N, C-alpha and C. Protein backbone atom coordinates (compact mmCIF):
# COMPACT_ATOMS: atom_id res chain seq x y z
N MET A 1 7.15 9.91 1.87
CA MET A 1 6.92 10.18 0.45
C MET A 1 6.37 11.56 0.22
N TYR A 2 5.58 12.07 1.18
CA TYR A 2 5.03 13.39 1.04
C TYR A 2 6.16 14.46 0.98
N GLU A 3 7.24 14.22 1.66
CA GLU A 3 8.30 15.17 1.74
C GLU A 3 9.17 15.26 0.50
N ASP A 4 8.99 14.35 -0.41
CA ASP A 4 9.80 14.27 -1.63
C ASP A 4 8.96 14.57 -2.87
N SER A 5 9.29 15.62 -3.59
CA SER A 5 8.52 16.07 -4.71
C SER A 5 8.55 15.05 -5.89
N PHE A 6 9.39 14.05 -5.81
CA PHE A 6 9.46 13.02 -6.84
C PHE A 6 8.16 12.21 -6.85
N TYR A 7 7.47 12.20 -5.73
CA TYR A 7 6.25 11.45 -5.61
C TYR A 7 5.03 12.38 -5.64
N PRO A 8 4.21 12.33 -6.67
CA PRO A 8 3.05 13.21 -6.75
C PRO A 8 2.12 12.95 -5.50
N THR A 9 1.73 14.08 -4.87
CA THR A 9 0.96 13.99 -3.64
C THR A 9 -0.32 13.19 -3.90
N PHE A 10 -1.00 13.44 -5.04
CA PHE A 10 -2.29 12.73 -5.21
C PHE A 10 -2.09 11.18 -5.33
N LEU A 11 -0.92 10.75 -5.78
CA LEU A 11 -0.63 9.34 -5.83
C LEU A 11 -0.26 8.75 -4.49
N VAL A 12 0.45 9.50 -3.66
CA VAL A 12 0.77 9.15 -2.33
C VAL A 12 -0.51 9.06 -1.49
N ASP A 13 -1.43 9.98 -1.79
CA ASP A 13 -2.78 9.93 -1.11
C ASP A 13 -3.46 8.59 -1.48
N LYS A 14 -3.36 8.16 -2.70
CA LYS A 14 -3.99 6.91 -3.06
C LYS A 14 -3.41 5.71 -2.33
N ILE A 15 -2.12 5.73 -2.18
CA ILE A 15 -1.48 4.65 -1.39
C ILE A 15 -1.96 4.73 0.05
N LYS A 16 -1.93 5.90 0.59
CA LYS A 16 -2.42 6.15 1.99
C LYS A 16 -3.81 5.58 2.20
N LEU A 17 -4.74 5.86 1.30
CA LEU A 17 -6.10 5.38 1.41
C LEU A 17 -6.20 3.87 1.41
N LYS A 18 -5.36 3.21 0.61
CA LYS A 18 -5.31 1.77 0.56
C LYS A 18 -4.87 1.17 1.90
N ILE A 19 -3.84 1.82 2.46
CA ILE A 19 -3.31 1.40 3.81
C ILE A 19 -4.39 1.68 4.85
N ILE A 20 -5.05 2.78 4.83
CA ILE A 20 -6.08 3.09 5.80
C ILE A 20 -7.23 2.10 5.79
N LYS A 21 -7.57 1.59 4.62
CA LYS A 21 -8.63 0.61 4.47
C LYS A 21 -8.24 -0.67 5.30
N VAL A 22 -7.00 -1.02 5.24
CA VAL A 22 -6.51 -2.17 6.03
C VAL A 22 -6.63 -1.89 7.48
N VAL A 23 -6.22 -0.73 7.91
CA VAL A 23 -6.29 -0.33 9.32
C VAL A 23 -7.78 -0.41 9.79
N HIS A 24 -8.64 0.17 9.01
CA HIS A 24 -10.10 0.11 9.37
C HIS A 24 -10.60 -1.30 9.50
N PHE A 25 -10.19 -2.15 8.53
CA PHE A 25 -10.53 -3.55 8.59
C PHE A 25 -10.13 -4.20 9.87
N ILE A 26 -8.86 -3.97 10.28
CA ILE A 26 -8.34 -4.57 11.52
C ILE A 26 -9.04 -4.02 12.75
N GLU A 27 -9.44 -2.73 12.72
CA GLU A 27 -10.12 -2.10 13.86
C GLU A 27 -11.54 -2.58 13.99
N GLU A 28 -12.19 -3.02 12.91
CA GLU A 28 -13.59 -3.41 12.91
C GLU A 28 -13.92 -4.51 13.92
N SER A 29 -13.15 -5.51 13.95
CA SER A 29 -13.34 -6.58 14.90
C SER A 29 -12.17 -7.53 14.85
N THR A 30 -12.30 -8.63 15.56
CA THR A 30 -11.21 -9.59 15.59
C THR A 30 -11.20 -10.38 14.31
N HIS A 31 -10.08 -10.44 13.68
CA HIS A 31 -9.94 -11.16 12.43
C HIS A 31 -8.79 -12.17 12.63
N THR A 32 -8.84 -13.24 11.83
CA THR A 32 -7.73 -14.17 11.83
C THR A 32 -6.51 -13.58 11.10
N ILE A 33 -5.36 -14.14 11.35
CA ILE A 33 -4.15 -13.72 10.66
C ILE A 33 -4.39 -13.92 9.16
N GLU A 34 -5.03 -14.96 8.76
CA GLU A 34 -5.30 -15.26 7.35
C GLU A 34 -6.14 -14.15 6.75
N GLU A 35 -7.13 -13.74 7.48
CA GLU A 35 -8.06 -12.69 6.93
C GLU A 35 -7.32 -11.33 6.81
N VAL A 36 -6.47 -11.03 7.76
CA VAL A 36 -5.66 -9.81 7.67
C VAL A 36 -4.69 -9.92 6.53
N GLN A 37 -4.06 -11.08 6.37
CA GLN A 37 -3.11 -11.29 5.25
C GLN A 37 -3.83 -11.14 3.92
N GLU A 38 -5.03 -11.62 3.79
CA GLU A 38 -5.79 -11.50 2.60
C GLU A 38 -6.05 -10.00 2.25
N LYS A 39 -6.35 -9.26 3.28
CA LYS A 39 -6.58 -7.79 3.10
C LYS A 39 -5.27 -7.10 2.72
N LEU A 40 -4.20 -7.51 3.32
CA LEU A 40 -2.87 -6.98 2.97
C LEU A 40 -2.55 -7.27 1.49
N ASP A 41 -2.85 -8.53 1.12
CA ASP A 41 -2.58 -8.93 -0.30
C ASP A 41 -3.39 -8.00 -1.27
N LYS A 42 -4.65 -7.79 -0.93
CA LYS A 42 -5.50 -6.93 -1.79
C LYS A 42 -4.87 -5.50 -1.84
N MET A 43 -4.46 -5.00 -0.68
CA MET A 43 -3.87 -3.68 -0.58
C MET A 43 -2.65 -3.58 -1.56
N THR A 44 -1.79 -4.61 -1.41
CA THR A 44 -0.52 -4.58 -2.12
C THR A 44 -0.78 -4.71 -3.64
N LEU A 45 -1.73 -5.53 -4.01
CA LEU A 45 -2.09 -5.64 -5.44
C LEU A 45 -2.59 -4.30 -5.96
N ALA A 46 -3.41 -3.63 -5.14
CA ALA A 46 -3.93 -2.28 -5.54
C ALA A 46 -2.77 -1.26 -5.67
N ILE A 47 -1.84 -1.34 -4.78
CA ILE A 47 -0.65 -0.42 -4.92
C ILE A 47 0.13 -0.78 -6.15
N ASN A 48 0.27 -2.07 -6.45
CA ASN A 48 1.00 -2.49 -7.66
C ASN A 48 0.31 -1.82 -8.89
N GLU A 49 -0.99 -1.76 -8.90
CA GLU A 49 -1.73 -1.20 -10.01
C GLU A 49 -1.46 0.30 -10.22
N LEU A 50 -0.98 0.95 -9.15
CA LEU A 50 -0.72 2.41 -9.23
C LEU A 50 0.62 2.74 -9.92
N GLN A 51 1.44 1.67 -10.18
CA GLN A 51 2.78 1.88 -10.73
C GLN A 51 2.68 2.63 -12.09
N SER A 52 1.75 2.28 -12.92
CA SER A 52 1.63 2.94 -14.22
C SER A 52 1.30 4.44 -14.08
N GLU A 53 0.44 4.76 -13.11
CA GLU A 53 0.20 6.16 -12.80
C GLU A 53 1.42 6.93 -12.35
N PHE A 54 2.20 6.27 -11.56
CA PHE A 54 3.45 6.90 -11.11
C PHE A 54 4.35 7.15 -12.35
N TYR A 55 4.49 6.15 -13.26
CA TYR A 55 5.25 6.33 -14.46
C TYR A 55 4.78 7.49 -15.27
N GLN A 56 3.45 7.54 -15.47
CA GLN A 56 2.84 8.64 -16.21
C GLN A 56 3.11 10.02 -15.68
N ASN A 57 3.46 10.07 -14.39
CA ASN A 57 3.74 11.33 -13.66
C ASN A 57 5.26 11.42 -13.39
N ASN A 58 6.07 10.79 -14.19
CA ASN A 58 7.55 10.84 -14.02
C ASN A 58 8.07 10.50 -12.65
N SER A 59 7.44 9.40 -12.13
CA SER A 59 7.80 8.94 -10.84
C SER A 59 7.73 7.42 -10.86
N GLU A 60 7.98 6.76 -9.75
CA GLU A 60 7.80 5.33 -9.64
C GLU A 60 7.88 4.91 -8.20
N ILE A 61 7.36 3.72 -7.94
CA ILE A 61 7.44 3.13 -6.61
C ILE A 61 8.75 2.39 -6.58
N GLU A 62 9.78 3.06 -6.04
CA GLU A 62 11.10 2.42 -5.98
C GLU A 62 11.58 2.31 -4.55
N THR A 63 12.87 2.29 -4.38
CA THR A 63 13.46 1.96 -3.02
C THR A 63 12.93 2.78 -1.92
N VAL A 64 12.91 4.14 -2.06
CA VAL A 64 12.45 4.99 -0.97
C VAL A 64 10.97 4.74 -0.70
N ALA A 65 10.19 4.68 -1.74
CA ALA A 65 8.78 4.41 -1.59
C ALA A 65 8.52 3.04 -0.95
N ARG A 66 9.22 2.03 -1.48
CA ARG A 66 9.07 0.68 -0.92
C ARG A 66 9.41 0.66 0.56
N ASP A 67 10.47 1.31 0.97
CA ASP A 67 10.84 1.37 2.34
C ASP A 67 9.84 2.10 3.22
N SER A 68 9.26 3.18 2.66
CA SER A 68 8.26 3.96 3.37
C SER A 68 6.98 3.15 3.56
N ILE A 69 6.52 2.55 2.53
CA ILE A 69 5.32 1.70 2.63
C ILE A 69 5.58 0.54 3.55
N GLY A 70 6.70 -0.09 3.42
CA GLY A 70 7.04 -1.23 4.30
C GLY A 70 7.07 -0.83 5.79
N ALA A 71 7.68 0.31 6.04
CA ALA A 71 7.80 0.76 7.46
C ALA A 71 6.45 1.11 8.01
N THR A 72 5.59 1.66 7.21
CA THR A 72 4.26 1.99 7.66
C THR A 72 3.46 0.71 7.95
N VAL A 73 3.50 -0.26 7.08
CA VAL A 73 2.83 -1.53 7.30
C VAL A 73 3.38 -2.24 8.55
N GLU A 74 4.67 -2.20 8.66
CA GLU A 74 5.27 -2.84 9.84
C GLU A 74 4.86 -2.23 11.09
N GLU A 75 4.75 -0.89 11.14
CA GLU A 75 4.23 -0.17 12.33
C GLU A 75 2.81 -0.60 12.64
N ILE A 76 1.98 -0.70 11.63
CA ILE A 76 0.61 -1.15 11.83
C ILE A 76 0.56 -2.59 12.43
N LEU A 77 1.33 -3.45 11.88
CA LEU A 77 1.34 -4.83 12.38
C LEU A 77 1.83 -4.88 13.87
N GLN A 78 2.82 -4.06 14.19
CA GLN A 78 3.31 -4.02 15.57
C GLN A 78 2.22 -3.38 16.49
N TYR A 79 1.66 -2.33 16.06
CA TYR A 79 0.64 -1.62 16.86
C TYR A 79 -0.52 -2.61 17.24
N PHE A 80 -0.93 -3.33 16.23
CA PHE A 80 -2.08 -4.26 16.49
C PHE A 80 -1.63 -5.63 16.97
N GLU A 81 -0.31 -5.76 17.21
CA GLU A 81 0.30 -7.01 17.70
C GLU A 81 -0.10 -8.15 16.81
N LEU A 82 0.07 -8.01 15.53
CA LEU A 82 -0.22 -9.04 14.52
C LEU A 82 1.12 -9.75 14.20
N ASP A 83 1.12 -11.03 14.34
CA ASP A 83 2.30 -11.88 14.09
C ASP A 83 2.43 -12.21 12.59
N ILE A 84 2.71 -11.18 11.80
CA ILE A 84 2.89 -11.36 10.40
C ILE A 84 4.23 -10.69 10.01
N ASP A 85 5.11 -11.46 9.41
CA ASP A 85 6.38 -10.95 9.03
C ASP A 85 6.15 -9.94 7.84
N ILE A 86 6.93 -8.86 7.82
CA ILE A 86 6.69 -7.80 6.85
C ILE A 86 6.87 -8.32 5.46
N GLU A 87 7.79 -9.22 5.19
CA GLU A 87 7.95 -9.79 3.85
C GLU A 87 6.74 -10.57 3.46
N GLU A 88 6.17 -11.29 4.38
CA GLU A 88 4.91 -12.02 4.11
C GLU A 88 3.77 -11.07 3.89
N ALA A 89 3.72 -10.03 4.76
CA ALA A 89 2.64 -9.07 4.65
C ALA A 89 2.58 -8.45 3.29
N LEU A 90 3.74 -8.19 2.70
CA LEU A 90 3.79 -7.52 1.39
C LEU A 90 4.21 -8.47 0.24
N ARG A 91 3.90 -9.72 0.42
CA ARG A 91 4.36 -10.75 -0.47
C ARG A 91 3.93 -10.55 -1.90
N GLU A 92 2.87 -9.81 -2.15
CA GLU A 92 2.35 -9.60 -3.50
C GLU A 92 2.95 -8.43 -4.23
N ARG A 93 3.91 -7.73 -3.54
CA ARG A 93 4.42 -6.52 -4.11
C ARG A 93 5.24 -6.81 -5.39
N GLU A 94 5.17 -5.83 -6.29
CA GLU A 94 5.99 -5.84 -7.53
C GLU A 94 6.93 -4.67 -7.56
N TRP A 95 7.10 -4.02 -6.41
CA TRP A 95 7.88 -2.83 -6.35
C TRP A 95 9.02 -3.04 -5.33
C-alpha cells in the first residue's frame, strides 16, 4: 500500500500500527488461539473504523488494500505457527 499513492501514507501507517500491536501481543507470551483471535478481531474492527478517514482522503480500503492486509496477517499467522484460517482471522472485516 505504501507504493501506491492512492493510499495516504499516514493512513497506511495507522493500519500498520494496528497490525504491529497484534504482533507484540503474540510475542509477549503464550496465548490461546481464542485470545489471538480476539486480538485479531479488535484489530480488524479498528481498521474498519479507518474507512471513513480513507474516504475523506479520496481513498478507500478496497481490493488491493484488502489483499495487502490479508497477506500480511497470513504471514504473521504462518510465522508464529498459529492455526487460524485467514478468513476467520479477519472475520470482522467490512472491507
